[in-house]
Amino acid sequence: GHDSDVAGNVYAGADADAGAVRAQTSENVVTASWVGFRSSQCGGLIRYEWALLRRDAFAVTPMGSIGVLMRDDDSDGGNGNGGSNGAGSLQALMHLEPGGVYAVELTATPGCTDPDGHPP
């Protein structure tokens, strides 16, 4: 990774600022949220993609950006260190098996994808 890239925290539920939710509350909708992502490359983060995984290691969904809302990360309490598009949430219709153990895999993409962090 790039020196200035920081992976944030991903939570179940729509409010990452609460941070305490550990389970989905519906069998028909998957929700997740995140805070704390950073990138100083090419103007910050421009895209998130996610996939839903089951504990038995197969992907329930392919990687995609359906249902994603991005927002600036203000979790630093207004100290000016919040990342541009460093937080967000997702909500998507999907059938979840009762009692199933799931995880959301999340990837963040900066404004450029050059390995050296230079604009294309």
PDB file of N, CA and C in Angstrom:
ATOM      1  N   GLY A   1       0.806  -1.192   0.000  1.00  0.00           N
ATOM      2  CA  GLY A   1       0.000   0.000   0.000  1.00  0.00           C
ATOM      3  C   GLY A   1       0.848   1.254   0.000  1.00  0.00           C
ATOM      4  N   HIS A   2       0.215   2.356  -0.210  1.00  0.00           N
ATOM      5  CA  HIS A   2       0.850   3.662  -0.248  1.00  0.00           C
ATOM      6  C   HIS A   2       1.023   4.166   1.179  1.00  0.00           C
ATOM      7  N   ASP A   3       2.093   4.913   1.436  1.00  0.00           N
ATOM      8  CA  ASP A   3       2.373   5.390   2.793  1.00  0.00           C
ATOM      9  C   ASP A   3       1.211   6.167   3.385  1.00  0.00           C
ATOM     10  N   SER A   4       0.473   6.878   2.542  1.00  0.00           N
ATOM     11  CA  SER A   4      -0.580   7.750   3.046  1.00  0.00           C
ATOM     12  C   SER A   4      -1.955   7.089   3.020  1.00  0.00           C
ATOM     13  N   ASP A   5      -2.007   5.798   2.724  1.00  0.00           N
ATOM     14  CA  ASP A   5      -3.284   5.086   2.711  1.00  0.00           C
ATOM     15  C   ASP A   5      -3.549   4.466   4.078  1.00  0.00           C
ATOM     16  N   VAL A   6      -4.770   4.647   4.576  1.00  0.00           N
ATOM     17  CA  VAL A   6      -5.157   4.071   5.856  1.00  0.00           C
ATOM     18  C   VAL A   6      -6.481   3.351   5.673  1.00  0.00           C
ATOM     19  N   ALA A   7      -6.530   2.088   6.079  1.00  0.00           N
ATOM     20  CA  ALA A   7      -7.783   1.331   6.040  1.00  0.00           C
ATOM     21  C   ALA A   7      -8.589   1.654   7.285  1.00  0.00           C
ATOM     22  N   GLY A   8      -9.859   1.906   7.105  1.00  0.00           N
ATOM     23  CA  GLY A   8     -10.728   2.238   8.229  1.00  0.00           C
ATOM     24  C   GLY A   8     -11.363   1.006   8.843  1.00  0.00           C
ATOM     25  N   ASN A   9     -12.445   1.215   9.560  1.00  0.00           N
ATOM     26  CA  ASN A   9     -13.187   0.141  10.208  1.00  0.00           C
ATOM     27  C   ASN A   9     -14.558  -0.002   9.565  1.00  0.00           C
ATOM     28  N   VAL A  10     -14.964  -1.249   9.362  1.00  0.00           N
ATOM     29  CA  VAL A  10     -16.253  -1.559   8.750  1.00  0.00           C
ATOM     30  C   VAL A  10     -17.144  -2.205   9.805  1.00  0.00           C
ATOM     31  N   TYR A  11     -18.404  -1.771   9.848  1.00  0.00           N
ATOM     32  CA  TYR A  11     -19.348  -2.262  10.851  1.00  0.00           C
ATOM     33  C   TYR A  11     -20.621  -2.762  10.191  1.00  0.00           C
ATOM     34  N   ALA A  12     -21.270  -3.707  10.839  1.00  0.00           N
ATOM     35  CA  ALA A  12     -22.625  -4.092  10.430  1.00  0.00           C
ATOM     36  C   ALA A  12     -23.559  -2.954  10.819  1.00  0.00           C
ATOM     37  N   GLY A  13     -24.608  -2.766  10.044  1.00  0.00           N
ATOM     38  CA  GLY A  13     -25.557  -1.705  10.350  1.00  0.00           C
ATOM     39  C   GLY A  13     -25.214  -0.415   9.642  1.00  0.00           C
ATOM     40  N   ALA A  14     -26.149   0.520   9.671  1.00  0.00           N
ATOM     41  CA  ALA A  14     -26.044   1.728   8.859  1.00  0.00           C
ATOM     42  C   ALA A  14     -25.316   2.870   9.543  1.00  0.00           C
ATOM     43  N   ASP A  15     -24.982   2.763  10.821  1.00  0.00           N
ATOM     44  CA  ASP A  15     -24.387   3.883  11.540  1.00  0.00           C
ATOM     45  C   ASP A  15     -23.041   3.502  12.131  1.00  0.00           C
ATOM     46  N   ALA A  16     -21.979   3.702  11.352  1.00  0.00           N
ATOM     47  CA  ALA A  16     -20.640   3.332  11.827  1.00  0.00           C
ATOM     48  C   ALA A  16     -20.227   4.154  13.025  1.00  0.00           C
ATOM     49  N   ASP A  17     -20.770   5.358  13.156  1.00  0.00           N
ATOM     50  CA  ASP A  17     -20.389   6.195  14.287  1.00  0.00           C
ATOM     51  C   ASP A  17     -20.818   5.558  15.608  1.00  0.00           C
ATOM     52  N   ALA A  18     -21.887   4.754  15.565  1.00  0.00           N
ATOM     53  CA  ALA A  18     -22.312   4.042  16.777  1.00  0.00           C
ATOM     54  C   ALA A  18     -21.330   2.911  17.076  1.00  0.00           C
ATOM     55  N   GLY A  19     -20.916   2.189  16.041  1.00  0.00           N
ATOM     56  CA  GLY A  19     -19.836   1.228  16.156  1.00  0.00           C
ATOM     57  C   GLY A  19     -20.120  -0.024  16.943  1.00  0.00           C
ATOM     58  N   ALA A  20     -21.303  -0.164  17.527  1.00  0.00           N
ATOM     59  CA  ALA A  20     -21.542  -1.288  18.428  1.00  0.00           C
ATOM     60  C   ALA A  20     -22.319  -2.427  17.780  1.00  0.00           C
ATOM     61  N   VAL A  21     -22.925  -2.182  16.631  1.00  0.00           N
ATOM     62  CA  VAL A  21     -23.762  -3.203  16.011  1.00  0.00           C
ATOM     63  C   VAL A  21     -22.880  -4.279  15.399  1.00  0.00           C
ATOM     64  N   ARG A  22     -23.180  -5.521  15.697  1.00  0.00           N
ATOM     65  CA  ARG A  22     -22.363  -6.628  15.188  1.00  0.00           C
ATOM     66  C   ARG A  22     -23.179  -7.603  14.342  1.00  0.00           C
ATOM     67  N   ALA A  23     -24.461  -7.312  14.116  1.00  0.00           N
ATOM     68  CA  ALA A  23     -25.300  -8.264  13.383  1.00  0.00           C
ATOM     69  C   ALA A  23     -26.249  -7.517  12.453  1.00  0.00           C
ATOM     70  N   GLN A  24     -26.654  -8.182  11.400  1.00  0.00           N
ATOM     71  CA  GLN A  24     -27.677  -7.647  10.509  1.00  0.00           C
ATOM     72  C   GLN A  24     -29.025  -7.759  11.217  1.00  0.00           C
ATOM     73  N   THR A  25     -29.898  -6.802  10.964  1.00  0.00           N
ATOM     74  CA  THR A  25     -31.193  -6.804  11.644  1.00  0.00           C
ATOM     75  C   THR A  25     -32.327  -7.263  10.738  1.00  0.00           C
ATOM     76  N   SER A  26     -32.013  -7.613   9.499  1.00  0.00           N
ATOM     77  CA  SER A  26     -33.034  -8.059   8.559  1.00  0.00           C
ATOM     78  C   SER A  26     -32.523  -9.265   7.786  1.00  0.00           C
ATOM     79  N   GLU A  27     -33.424 -10.163   7.417  1.00  0.00           N
ATOM     80  CA  GLU A  27     -33.034 -11.299   6.578  1.00  0.00           C
ATOM     81  C   GLU A  27     -33.092 -10.937   5.101  1.00  0.00           C
ATOM     82  N   ASN A  28     -33.576  -9.730   4.773  1.00  0.00           N
ATOM     83  CA  ASN A  28     -33.776  -9.350   3.373  1.00  0.00           C
ATOM     84  C   ASN A  28     -32.952  -8.161   2.910  1.00  0.00           C
ATOM     85  N   VAL A  29     -32.213  -7.542   3.835  1.00  0.00           N
ATOM     86  CA  VAL A  29     -31.396  -6.379   3.492  1.00  0.00           C
ATOM     87  C   VAL A  29     -30.053  -6.509   4.194  1.00  0.00           C
ATOM     88  N   VAL A  30     -28.978  -6.256   3.444  1.00  0.00           N
ATOM     89  CA  VAL A  30     -27.658  -6.193   4.073  1.00  0.00           C
ATOM     90  C   VAL A  30     -27.278  -4.722   4.198  1.00  0.00           C
ATOM     91  N   THR A  31     -26.812  -4.348   5.377  1.00  0.00           N
ATOM     92  CA  THR A  31     -26.342  -2.981   5.605  1.00  0.00           C
ATOM     93  C   THR A  31     -24.969  -3.035   6.259  1.00  0.00           C
ATOM     94  N   ALA A  32     -24.141  -2.080   5.909  1.00  0.00           N
ATOM     95  CA  ALA A  32     -22.828  -1.942   6.536  1.00  0.00           C
ATOM     96  C   ALA A  32     -22.427  -0.480   6.442  1.00  0.00           C
ATOM     97  N   SER A  33     -21.480  -0.095   7.261  1.00  0.00           N
ATOM     98  CA  SER A  33     -20.998   1.279   7.247  1.00  0.00           C
ATOM     99  C   SER A  33     -19.540   1.289   7.662  1.00  0.00           C
ATOM    100  N   TRP A  34     -18.860   2.389   7.359  1.00  0.00           N
ATOM    101  CA  TRP A  34     -17.432   2.451   7.631  1.00  0.00           C
ATOM    102  C   TRP A  34     -16.993   3.883   7.892  1.00  0.00           C
ATOM    103  N   VAL A  35     -15.899   3.993   8.631  1.00  0.00           N
ATOM    104  CA  VAL A  35     -15.254   5.276   8.922  1.00  0.00           C
ATOM    105  C   VAL A  35     -13.743   5.063   8.948  1.00  0.00           C
ATOM    106  N   GLY A  36     -12.999   6.137   8.775  1.00  0.00           N
ATOM    107  CA  GLY A  36     -11.561   6.102   9.002  1.00  0.00           C
ATOM    108  C   GLY A  36     -10.697   5.773   7.814  1.00  0.00           C
ATOM    109  N   PHE A  37     -11.263   5.663   6.615  1.00  0.00           N
ATOM    110  CA  PHE A  37     -10.441   5.407   5.437  1.00  0.00           C
ATOM    111  C   PHE A  37      -9.766   6.707   5.001  1.00  0.00           C
ATOM    112  N   ARG A  38      -8.511   6.606   4.547  1.00  0.00           N
ATOM    113  CA  ARG A  38      -7.748   7.779   4.131  1.00  0.00           C
ATOM    114  C   ARG A  38      -6.921   7.451   2.891  1.00  0.00           C
ATOM    115  N   SER A  39      -6.774   8.440   2.026  1.00  0.00           N
ATOM    116  CA  SER A  39      -5.787   8.368   0.952  1.00  0.00           C
ATOM    117  C   SER A  39      -5.466   9.783   0.514  1.00  0.00           C
ATOM    118  N   SER A  40      -4.178  10.096   0.456  1.00  0.00           N
ATOM    119  CA  SER A  40      -3.773  11.414  -0.045  1.00  0.00           C
ATOM    120  C   SER A  40      -3.451  11.349  -1.536  1.00  0.00           C
ATOM    121  N   GLN A  41      -3.663  10.197  -2.149  1.00  0.00           N
ATOM    122  CA  GLN A  41      -3.372  10.038  -3.564  1.00  0.00           C
ATOM    123  C   GLN A  41      -4.431  10.736  -4.418  1.00  0.00           C
ATOM    124  N   CYS A  42      -4.005  11.596  -5.292  1.00  0.00           N
ATOM    125  CA  CYS A  42      -4.858  12.141  -6.362  1.00  0.00           C
ATOM    126  C   CYS A  42      -6.223  12.599  -5.870  1.00  0.00           C
ATOM    127  N   GLY A  43      -6.248  13.325  -4.768  1.00  0.00           N
ATOM    128  CA  GLY A  43      -7.500  13.918  -4.327  1.00  0.00           C
ATOM    129  C   GLY A  43      -8.367  13.045  -3.450  1.00  0.00           C
ATOM    130  N   GLY A  44      -7.832  11.963  -2.927  1.00  0.00           N
ATOM    131  CA  GLY A  44      -8.610  11.143  -2.002  1.00  0.00           C
ATOM    132  C   GLY A  44      -9.330   9.994  -2.673  1.00  0.00           C
ATOM    133  N   LEU A  45     -10.318   9.463  -1.967  1.00  0.00           N
ATOM    134  CA  LEU A  45     -11.020   8.255  -2.406  1.00  0.00           C
ATOM    135  C   LEU A  45     -12.211   8.606  -3.290  1.00  0.00           C
ATOM    136  N   ILE A  46     -12.375   7.839  -4.353  1.00  0.00           N
ATOM    137  CA  ILE A  46     -13.456   8.128  -5.291  1.00  0.00           C
ATOM    138  C   ILE A  46     -14.449   6.981  -5.447  1.00  0.00           C
ATOM    139  N   ARG A  47     -14.131   5.799  -4.908  1.00  0.00           N
ATOM    140  CA  ARG A  47     -15.011   4.654  -5.139  1.00  0.00           C
ATOM    141  C   ARG A  47     -14.804   3.604  -4.060  1.00  0.00           C
ATOM    142  N   TYR A  48     -15.898   2.993  -3.653  1.00  0.00           N
ATOM    143  CA  TYR A  48     -15.852   1.812  -2.786  1.00  0.00           C
ATOM    144  C   TYR A  48     -16.559   0.679  -3.512  1.00  0.00           C
ATOM    145  N   GLU A  49     -16.025  -0.518  -3.360  1.00  0.00           N
ATOM    146  CA  GLU A  49     -16.695  -1.714  -3.853  1.00  0.00           C
ATOM    147  C   GLU A  49     -16.767  -2.715  -2.712  1.00  0.00           C
ATOM    148  N   TRP A  50     -17.807  -3.537  -2.738  1.00  0.00           N
ATOM    149  CA  TRP A  50     -17.995  -4.490  -1.644  1.00  0.00           C
ATOM    150  C   TRP A  50     -18.485  -5.828  -2.183  1.00  0.00           C
ATOM    151  N   ALA A  51     -18.262  -6.829  -1.389  1.00  0.00           N
ATOM    152  CA  ALA A  51     -18.808  -8.163  -1.645  1.00  0.00           C
ATOM    153  C   ALA A  51     -19.252  -8.741  -0.312  1.00  0.00           C
ATOM    154  N   LEU A  52     -20.287  -9.555  -0.351  1.00  0.00           N
ATOM    155  CA  LEU A  52     -20.741 -10.249   0.851  1.00  0.00           C
ATOM    156  C   LEU A  52     -20.167 -11.655   0.829  1.00  0.00           C
ATOM    157  N   LEU A  53     -19.525 -12.038   1.927  1.00  0.00           N
ATOM    158  CA  LEU A  53     -18.908 -13.356   2.054  1.00  0.00           C
ATOM    159  C   LEU A  53     -19.579 -14.122   3.179  1.00  0.00           C
ATOM    160  N   ARG A  54     -19.620 -15.449   3.032  1.00  0.00           N
ATOM    161  CA  ARG A  54     -20.062 -16.302   4.143  1.00  0.00           C
ATOM    162  C   ARG A  54     -18.849 -16.900   4.826  1.00  0.00           C
ATOM    163  N   ARG A  55     -19.032 -17.306   6.072  1.00  0.00           N
ATOM    164  CA  ARG A  55     -17.897 -17.810   6.832  1.00  0.00           C
ATOM    165  C   ARG A  55     -17.283 -19.046   6.171  1.00  0.00           C
ATOM    166  N   ASP A  56     -18.064 -19.782   5.387  1.00  0.00           N
ATOM    167  CA  ASP A  56     -17.484 -20.951   4.716  1.00  0.00           C
ATOM    168  C   ASP A  56     -16.709 -20.559   3.470  1.00  0.00           C
ATOM    169  N   ALA A  57     -16.382 -19.256   3.333  1.00  0.00           N
ATOM    170  CA  ALA A  57     -15.357 -18.755   2.409  1.00  0.00           C
ATOM    171  C   ALA A  57     -15.770 -18.634   0.958  1.00  0.00           C
ATOM    172  N   PHE A  58     -17.062 -18.655   0.663  1.00  0.00           N
ATOM    173  CA  PHE A  58     -17.414 -18.348  -0.718  1.00  0.00           C
ATOM    174  C   PHE A  58     -18.125 -17.001  -0.773  1.00  0.00           C
ATOM    175  N   ALA A  59     -17.965 -16.328  -1.907  1.00  0.00           N
ATOM    176  CA  ALA A  59     -18.588 -15.016  -2.067  1.00  0.00           C
ATOM    177  C   ALA A  59     -20.056 -15.194  -2.411  1.00  0.00           C
ATOM    178  N   VAL A  60     -20.914 -14.521  -1.675  1.00  0.00           N
ATOM    179  CA  VAL A  60     -22.339 -14.529  -1.967  1.00  0.00           C
ATOM    180  C   VAL A  60     -22.630 -13.583  -3.127  1.00  0.00           C
ATOM    181  N   THR A  61     -21.869 -12.498  -3.204  1.00  0.00           N
ATOM    182  CA  THR A  61     -22.022 -11.530  -4.283  1.00  0.00           C
ATOM    183  C   THR A  61     -20.659 -11.236  -4.890  1.00  0.00           C
ATOM    184  N   PRO A  62     -20.621 -10.839  -6.166  1.00  0.00           N
ATOM    185  CA  PRO A  62     -19.364 -10.346  -6.730  1.00  0.00           C
ATOM    186  C   PRO A  62     -19.078  -8.940  -6.203  1.00  0.00           C
ATOM    187  N   MET A  63     -17.842  -8.472  -6.345  1.00  0.00           N
ATOM    188  CA  MET A  63     -17.509  -7.108  -5.952  1.00  0.00           C
ATOM    189  C   MET A  63     -18.317  -6.131  -6.792  1.00  0.00           C
ATOM    190  N   GLY A  64     -18.855  -5.098  -6.153  1.00  0.00           N
ATOM    191  CA  GLY A  64     -19.613  -4.093  -6.872  1.00  0.00           C
ATOM    192  C   GLY A  64     -19.875  -2.898  -5.978  1.00  0.00           C
ATOM    193  N   SER A  65     -20.458  -1.857  -6.565  1.00  0.00           N
ATOM    194  CA  SER A  65     -20.675  -0.628  -5.799  1.00  0.00           C
ATOM    195  C   SER A  65     -22.158  -0.300  -5.627  1.00  0.00           C
ATOM    196  N   ILE A  66     -23.031  -1.263  -5.901  1.00  0.00           N
ATOM    197  CA  ILE A  66     -24.469  -1.033  -5.747  1.00  0.00           C
ATOM    198  C   ILE A  66     -24.802  -0.722  -4.292  1.00  0.00           C
ATOM    199  N   GLY A  67     -25.581   0.326  -4.075  1.00  0.00           N
ATOM    200  CA  GLY A  67     -26.054   0.659  -2.738  1.00  0.00           C
ATOM    201  C   GLY A  67     -25.091   1.452  -1.879  1.00  0.00           C
ATOM    202  N   VAL A  68     -23.948   1.877  -2.452  1.00  0.00           N
ATOM    203  CA  VAL A  68     -22.936   2.583  -1.667  1.00  0.00           C
ATOM    204  C   VAL A  68     -23.212   4.085  -1.652  1.00  0.00           C
ATOM    205  N   LEU A  69     -23.147   4.676  -0.471  1.00  0.00           N
ATOM    206  CA  LEU A  69     -23.179   6.134  -0.293  1.00  0.00           C
ATOM    207  C   LEU A  69     -21.880   6.539   0.392  1.00  0.00           C
ATOM    208  N   MET A  70     -21.163   7.489  -0.199  1.00  0.00           N
ATOM    209  CA  MET A  70     -19.918   7.971   0.392  1.00  0.00           C
ATOM    210  C   MET A  70     -20.175   9.290   1.114  1.00  0.00           C
ATOM    211  N   ARG A  71     -19.367   9.545   2.153  1.00  0.00           N
ATOM    212  CA  ARG A  71     -19.417  10.836   2.835  1.00  0.00           C
ATOM    213  C   ARG A  71     -18.042  11.131   3.405  1.00  0.00           C
ATOM    214  N   ASP A  72     -17.802  12.399   3.697  1.00  0.00           N
ATOM    215  CA  ASP A  72     -16.539  12.767   4.333  1.00  0.00           C
ATOM    216  C   ASP A  72     -16.522  12.217   5.753  1.00  0.00           C
ATOM    217  N   ASP A  73     -15.340  11.839   6.200  1.00  0.00           N
ATOM    218  CA  ASP A  73     -15.194  11.261   7.536  1.00  0.00           C
ATOM    219  C   ASP A  73     -14.959  12.385   8.532  1.00  0.00           C
ATOM    220  N   ASP A  74     -15.949  12.632   9.399  1.00  0.00           N
ATOM    221  CA  ASP A  74     -15.798  13.659  10.424  1.00  0.00           C
ATOM    222  C   ASP A  74     -15.606  13.048  11.807  1.00  0.00           C
ATOM    223  N   SER A  75     -15.169  11.789  11.853  1.00  0.00           N
ATOM    224  CA  SER A  75     -15.047  11.081  13.125  1.00  0.00           C
ATOM    225  C   SER A  75     -13.882  11.585  13.971  1.00  0.00           C
ATOM    226  N   ASP A  76     -13.073  12.506  13.430  1.00  0.00           N
ATOM    227  CA  ASP A  76     -11.959  13.047  14.216  1.00  0.00           C
ATOM    228  C   ASP A  76     -12.411  14.183  15.131  1.00  0.00           C
ATOM    229  N   GLY A  77     -13.696  14.456  15.173  1.00  0.00           N
ATOM    230  CA  GLY A  77     -14.198  15.496  16.065  1.00  0.00           C
ATOM    231  C   GLY A  77     -13.939  16.904  15.570  1.00  0.00           C
ATOM    232  N   GLY A  78     -13.763  17.061  14.256  1.00  0.00           N
ATOM    233  CA  GLY A  78     -13.583  18.394  13.693  1.00  0.00           C
ATOM    234  C   GLY A  78     -12.173  18.924  13.785  1.00  0.00           C
ATOM    235  N   ASN A  79     -11.186  18.034  13.935  1.00  0.00           N
ATOM    236  CA  ASN A  79      -9.802  18.478  14.034  1.00  0.00           C
ATOM    237  C   ASN A  79      -9.122  18.673  12.684  1.00  0.00           C
ATOM    238  N   GLY A  80      -9.887  18.529  11.621  1.00  0.00           N
ATOM    239  CA  GLY A  80      -9.323  18.790  10.307  1.00  0.00           C
ATOM    240  C   GLY A  80      -8.606  17.616   9.678  1.00  0.00           C
ATOM    241  N   ASN A  81      -8.634  16.454  10.319  1.00  0.00           N
ATOM    242  CA  ASN A  81      -7.949  15.283   9.774  1.00  0.00           C
ATOM    243  C   ASN A  81      -8.897  14.315   9.074  1.00  0.00           C
ATOM    244  N   GLY A  82     -10.159  14.664   9.001  1.00  0.00           N
ATOM    245  CA  GLY A  82     -11.129  13.784   8.362  1.00  0.00           C
ATOM    246  C   GLY A  82     -10.825  13.614   6.889  1.00  0.00           C
ATOM    247  N   GLY A  83     -11.039  12.404   6.373  1.00  0.00           N
ATOM    248  CA  GLY A  83     -10.712  12.124   4.989  1.00  0.00           C
ATOM    249  C   GLY A  83     -11.843  12.454   4.047  1.00  0.00           C
ATOM    250  N   SER A  84     -11.485  12.941   2.867  1.00  0.00           N
ATOM    251  CA  SER A  84     -12.474  13.164   1.831  1.00  0.00           C
ATOM    252  C   SER A  84     -13.034  11.809   1.397  1.00  0.00           C
ATOM    253  N   ASN A  85     -14.344  11.653   1.482  1.00  0.00           N
ATOM    254  CA  ASN A  85     -15.000  10.377   1.183  1.00  0.00           C
ATOM    255  C   ASN A  85     -14.448   9.235   2.028  1.00  0.00           C
ATOM    256  N   GLY A  86     -13.990   9.529   3.241  1.00  0.00           N
ATOM    257  CA  GLY A  86     -13.379   8.516   4.087  1.00  0.00           C
ATOM    258  C   GLY A  86     -14.356   7.670   4.871  1.00  0.00           C
ATOM    259  N   ALA A  87     -15.651   7.919   4.665  1.00  0.00           N
ATOM    260  CA  ALA A  87     -16.678   7.157   5.377  1.00  0.00           C
ATOM    261  C   ALA A  87     -17.823   6.881   4.414  1.00  0.00           C
ATOM    262  N   GLY A  88     -18.706   5.989   4.821  1.00  0.00           N
ATOM    263  CA  GLY A  88     -19.845   5.702   3.963  1.00  0.00           C
ATOM    264  C   GLY A  88     -20.672   4.559   4.502  1.00  0.00           C
ATOM    265  N   SER A  89     -21.628   4.163   3.682  1.00  0.00           N
ATOM    266  CA  SER A  89     -22.501   3.060   4.062  1.00  0.00           C
ATOM    267  C   SER A  89     -23.003   2.371   2.813  1.00  0.00           C
ATOM    268  N   LEU A  90     -23.553   1.185   3.008  1.00  0.00           N
ATOM    269  CA  LEU A  90     -24.183   0.472   1.907  1.00  0.00           C
ATOM    270  C   LEU A  90     -25.464  -0.166   2.408  1.00  0.00           C
ATOM    271  N   GLN A  91     -26.402  -0.280   1.498  1.00  0.00           N
ATOM    272  CA  GLN A  91     -27.645  -0.993   1.776  1.00  0.00           C
ATOM    273  C   GLN A  91     -28.085  -1.653   0.483  1.00  0.00           C
ATOM    274  N   ALA A  92     -28.357  -2.939   0.538  1.00  0.00           N
ATOM    275  CA  ALA A  92     -28.754  -3.671  -0.657  1.00  0.00           C
ATOM    276  C   ALA A  92     -29.718  -4.791  -0.295  1.00  0.00           C
ATOM    277  N   LEU A  93     -30.697  -5.009  -1.159  1.00  0.00           N
ATOM    278  CA  LEU A  93     -31.634  -6.119  -0.967  1.00  0.00           C
ATOM    279  C   LEU A  93     -30.920  -7.428  -1.224  1.00  0.00           C
ATOM    280  N   MET A  94     -31.056  -8.360  -0.290  1.00  0.00           N
ATOM    281  CA  MET A  94     -30.378  -9.639  -0.408  1.00  0.00           C
ATOM    282  C   MET A  94     -30.936 -10.595   0.624  1.00  0.00           C
ATOM    283  N   HIS A  95     -31.108 -11.845   0.257  1.00  0.00           N
ATOM    284  CA  HIS A  95     -31.610 -12.818   1.227  1.00  0.00           C
ATOM    285  C   HIS A  95     -30.454 -13.351   2.052  1.00  0.00           C
ATOM    286  N   LEU A  96     -30.565 -13.228   3.373  1.00  0.00           N
ATOM    287  CA  LEU A  96     -29.565 -13.752   4.296  1.00  0.00           C
ATOM    288  C   LEU A  96     -30.162 -14.930   5.048  1.00  0.00           C
ATOM    289  N   GLU A  97     -29.385 -15.994   5.166  1.00  0.00           N
ATOM    290  CA  GLU A  97     -29.854 -17.166   5.892  1.00  0.00           C
ATOM    291  C   GLU A  97     -29.854 -16.884   7.384  1.00  0.00           C
ATOM    292  N   PRO A  98     -30.967 -17.151   8.078  1.00  0.00           N
ATOM    293  CA  PRO A  98     -30.982 -16.954   9.534  1.00  0.00           C
ATOM    294  C   PRO A  98     -29.868 -17.755  10.198  1.00  0.00           C
ATOM    295  N   GLY A  99     -29.127 -17.126  11.069  1.00  0.00           N
ATOM    296  CA  GLY A  99     -28.033 -17.795  11.755  1.00  0.00           C
ATOM    297  C   GLY A  99     -26.745 -17.870  10.963  1.00  0.00           C
ATOM    298  N   GLY A 100     -26.771 -17.438   9.701  1.00  0.00           N
ATOM    299  CA  GLY A 100     -25.556 -17.471   8.887  1.00  0.00           C
ATOM    300  C   GLY A 100     -24.552 -16.440   9.377  1.00  0.00           C
ATOM    301  N   VAL A 101     -23.266 -16.745   9.195  1.00  0.00           N
ATOM    302  CA  VAL A 101     -22.213 -15.818   9.585  1.00  0.00           C
ATOM    303  C   VAL A 101     -21.628 -15.210   8.319  1.00  0.00           C
ATOM    304  N   TYR A 102     -21.773 -13.896   8.197  1.00  0.00           N
ATOM    305  CA  TYR A 102     -21.372 -13.184   6.993  1.00  0.00           C
ATOM    306  C   TYR A 102     -20.319 -12.132   7.310  1.00  0.00           C
ATOM    307  N   ALA A 103     -19.594 -11.729   6.279  1.00  0.00           N
ATOM    308  CA  ALA A 103     -18.664 -10.612   6.397  1.00  0.00           C
ATOM    309  C   ALA A 103     -18.767  -9.778   5.125  1.00  0.00           C
ATOM    310  N   VAL A 104     -18.550  -8.487   5.267  1.00  0.00           N
ATOM    311  CA  VAL A 104     -18.492  -7.602   4.109  1.00  0.00           C
ATOM    312  C   VAL A 104     -17.027  -7.316   3.806  1.00  0.00           C
ATOM    313  N   GLU A 105     -16.616  -7.615   2.572  1.00  0.00           N
ATOM    314  CA  GLU A 105     -15.281  -7.253   2.105  1.00  0.00           C
ATOM    315  C   GLU A 105     -15.411  -5.906   1.402  1.00  0.00           C
ATOM    316  N   LEU A 106     -14.591  -4.947   1.782  1.00  0.00           N
ATOM    317  CA  LEU A 106     -14.692  -3.590   1.247  1.00  0.00           C
ATOM    318  C   LEU A 106     -13.347  -3.157   0.692  1.00  0.00           C
ATOM    319  N   THR A 107     -13.354  -2.612  -0.529  1.00  0.00           N
ATOM    320  CA  THR A 107     -12.140  -2.036  -1.097  1.00  0.00           C
ATOM    321  C   THR A 107     -12.396  -0.574  -1.432  1.00  0.00           C
ATOM    322  N   ALA A 108     -11.394   0.251  -1.204  1.00  0.00           N
ATOM    323  CA  ALA A 108     -11.478   1.688  -1.485  1.00  0.00           C
ATOM    324  C   ALA A 108     -10.487   2.018  -2.589  1.00  0.00           C
ATOM    325  N   THR A 109     -10.901   2.870  -3.528  1.00  0.00           N
ATOM    326  CA  THR A 109     -10.064   3.234  -4.669  1.00  0.00           C
ATOM    327  C   THR A 109      -9.784   4.730  -4.639  1.00  0.00           C
ATOM    328  N   PRO A 110      -8.486   5.118  -4.687  1.00  0.00           N
ATOM    329  CA  PRO A 110      -8.170   6.542  -4.735  1.00  0.00           C
ATOM    330  C   PRO A 110      -8.405   7.111  -6.132  1.00  0.00           C
ATOM    331  N   GLY A 111      -8.252   8.429  -6.239  1.00  0.00           N
ATOM    332  CA  GLY A 111      -8.518   9.116  -7.497  1.00  0.00           C
ATOM    333  C   GLY A 111      -7.612   8.708  -8.639  1.00  0.00           C
ATOM    334  N   CYS A 112      -6.529   8.029  -8.333  1.00  0.00           N
ATOM    335  CA  CYS A 112      -5.683   7.456  -9.385  1.00  0.00           C
ATOM    336  C   CYS A 112      -5.279   6.060  -8.945  1.00  0.00           C
ATOM    337  N   THR A 113      -4.899   5.255  -9.888  1.00  0.00           N
ATOM    338  CA  THR A 113      -4.541   3.880  -9.551  1.00  0.00           C
ATOM    339  C   THR A 113      -3.095   3.564  -9.902  1.00  0.00           C
ATOM    340  N   ASP A 114      -2.319   4.580 -10.305  1.00  0.00           N
ATOM    341  CA  ASP A 114      -0.897   4.400 -10.566  1.00  0.00           C
ATOM    342  C   ASP A 114      -0.212   3.954  -9.271  1.00  0.00           C
ATOM    343  N   PRO A 115       0.636   2.901  -9.325  1.00  0.00           N
ATOM    344  CA  PRO A 115       1.273   2.406  -8.107  1.00  0.00           C
ATOM    345  C   PRO A 115       2.117   3.466  -7.385  1.00  0.00           C
ATOM    346  N   ASP A 116       2.594   4.463  -8.123  1.00  0.00           N
ATOM    347  CA  ASP A 116       3.417   5.512  -7.522  1.00  0.00           C
ATOM    348  C   ASP A 116       2.583   6.694  -7.031  1.00  0.00           C
ATOM    349  N   GLY A 117       1.272   6.626  -7.200  1.00  0.00           N
ATOM    350  CA  GLY A 117       0.412   7.681  -6.719  1.00  0.00           C
ATOM    351  C   GLY A 117       0.360   8.900  -7.611  1.00  0.00           C
ATOM    352  N   HIS A 118       0.791   8.750  -8.878  1.00  0.00           N
ATOM    353  CA  HIS A 118       0.752   9.890  -9.805  1.00  0.00           C
ATOM    354  C   HIS A 118      -0.543   9.876 -10.606  1.00  0.00           C
ATOM    355  N   PRO A 119      -1.046  11.046 -10.972  1.00  0.00           N
ATOM    356  CA  PRO A 119      -2.258  11.076 -11.809  1.00  0.00           C
ATOM    357  C   PRO A 119      -2.018  10.346 -13.121  1.00  0.00           C
ATOM    358  N   PRO A 120      -3.040   9.727 -13.663  1.00  0.00           N
ATOM    359  CA  PRO A 120      -2.872   8.992 -14.928  1.00  0.00           C
ATOM    360  C   PRO A 120      -2.534   9.936 -16.072  1.00  0.00           C
TER     361      PRO A 120
END
